[in-house]
Amino acid sequence: MANETRVSNVSEIEKCRAKIRGAGDLVDCLTPEQAQFCNCSLSFGDGYFCKNPRRNEIIENTEKLQSKLNPLSGVSQSDNQE
């Protein structure tokens, strides 16, 4: 069965990367190579949305990683939404 090869990244979020799309509630998955096998992804157009219940944690982890890799990147997206 095809569903048997799909994995749920609910417990494996350390491999996930995501970002908020615009000012709405949509969250873009930044790991499309994993998204095609994830039960928490929603295929849309040529990308995927993250529907993981822990997606806010995934966004925070992604922002932390980006700031470590590029410390001059400025203010994080979540800071801009206040």
Protein backbone atom coordinates (compact mmCIF):
# COMPACT_ATOMS: atom_id res chain seq x y z
CA MET A 1 0.00 0.00 0.00
CA ALA A 2 1.20 3.51 -0.79
CA ASN A 3 0.33 4.83 2.68
CA GLU A 4 2.70 2.33 4.27
CA THR A 5 5.67 4.18 2.76
CA ARG A 6 4.50 7.54 4.05
CA VAL A 7 5.92 8.74 7.34
CA SER A 8 4.46 11.08 9.87
CA ASN A 9 6.94 13.80 10.70
CA VAL A 10 5.00 14.66 13.85
CA SER A 11 7.72 12.98 15.90
CA GLU A 12 10.59 13.60 13.48
CA ILE A 13 10.51 17.38 13.13
CA GLU A 14 14.29 17.83 13.44
CA LYS A 15 14.52 17.14 9.68
CA CYS A 16 11.72 19.55 8.81
CA ARG A 17 12.09 23.16 7.69
CA ALA A 18 9.19 25.56 7.18
CA LYS A 19 8.33 29.24 6.92
CA ILE A 20 5.19 31.32 7.19
CA ARG A 21 3.77 32.42 3.86
CA GLY A 22 2.78 36.07 3.92
CA ALA A 23 0.64 37.31 6.80
CA GLY A 24 -1.76 34.38 6.83
CA ASP A 25 -1.86 30.99 8.49
CA LEU A 26 -0.27 29.12 5.60
CA VAL A 27 3.08 27.48 6.26
CA ASP A 28 5.37 26.51 3.39
CA CYS A 29 7.31 23.27 3.71
CA LEU A 30 10.95 23.90 2.79
CA THR A 31 11.85 20.22 2.53
CA PRO A 32 9.89 19.00 -0.51
CA GLU A 33 12.02 15.86 -0.74
CA GLN A 34 10.50 14.80 2.61
CA ALA A 35 7.07 16.35 2.09
CA GLN A 36 6.09 13.84 -0.56
CA PHE A 37 6.35 11.10 2.10
CA CYS A 38 4.93 13.07 5.04
CA ASN A 39 1.39 12.58 6.33
CA CYS A 40 1.40 16.19 7.54
CA SER A 41 2.02 17.80 4.13
CA LEU A 42 -0.50 19.14 1.66
CA SER A 43 0.55 19.26 -1.98
CA PHE A 44 -0.43 22.52 -3.66
CA GLY A 45 0.80 23.63 -7.07
CA ASP A 46 4.52 22.98 -7.28
CA GLY A 47 5.08 22.98 -3.50
CA TYR A 48 3.77 21.74 -0.18
CA PHE A 49 2.10 23.28 2.84
CA CYS A 50 2.99 22.04 6.30
CA LYS A 51 0.01 20.87 8.36
CA ASN A 52 2.07 19.38 11.17
CA PRO A 53 0.52 20.12 14.58
CA ARG A 54 4.01 21.25 15.68
CA ARG A 55 4.58 23.52 12.66
CA ASN A 56 5.20 26.58 14.85
CA GLU A 57 8.08 24.71 16.48
CA ILE A 58 9.37 23.74 13.03
CA ILE A 59 9.30 27.42 11.97
CA GLU A 60 11.21 28.43 15.11
CA ASN A 61 13.81 25.72 14.50
CA THR A 62 14.18 26.83 10.88
CA GLU A 63 14.66 30.47 11.91
CA LYS A 64 17.25 29.48 14.54
CA LEU A 65 19.17 27.44 11.99
CA GLN A 66 19.05 30.26 9.44
CA SER A 67 20.31 32.79 11.99
CA LYS A 68 23.21 30.47 12.87
CA LEU A 69 24.10 30.06 9.20
CA ASN A 70 23.61 33.75 8.39
CA PRO A 71 23.87 35.86 11.57
CA LEU A 72 23.46 39.10 9.59
CA SER A 73 20.07 38.08 8.23
CA GLY A 74 18.20 40.56 10.46
CA VAL A 75 14.91 40.17 12.23
CA SER A 76 13.07 36.86 12.04
CA GLN A 77 9.69 36.60 10.33
CA SER A 78 7.87 35.87 13.58
CA ASP A 79 9.17 39.16 15.05
CA ASN A 80 7.72 41.07 12.09
CA GLN A 81 4.18 39.82 12.68
CA GLU A 82 3.47 41.70 15.90
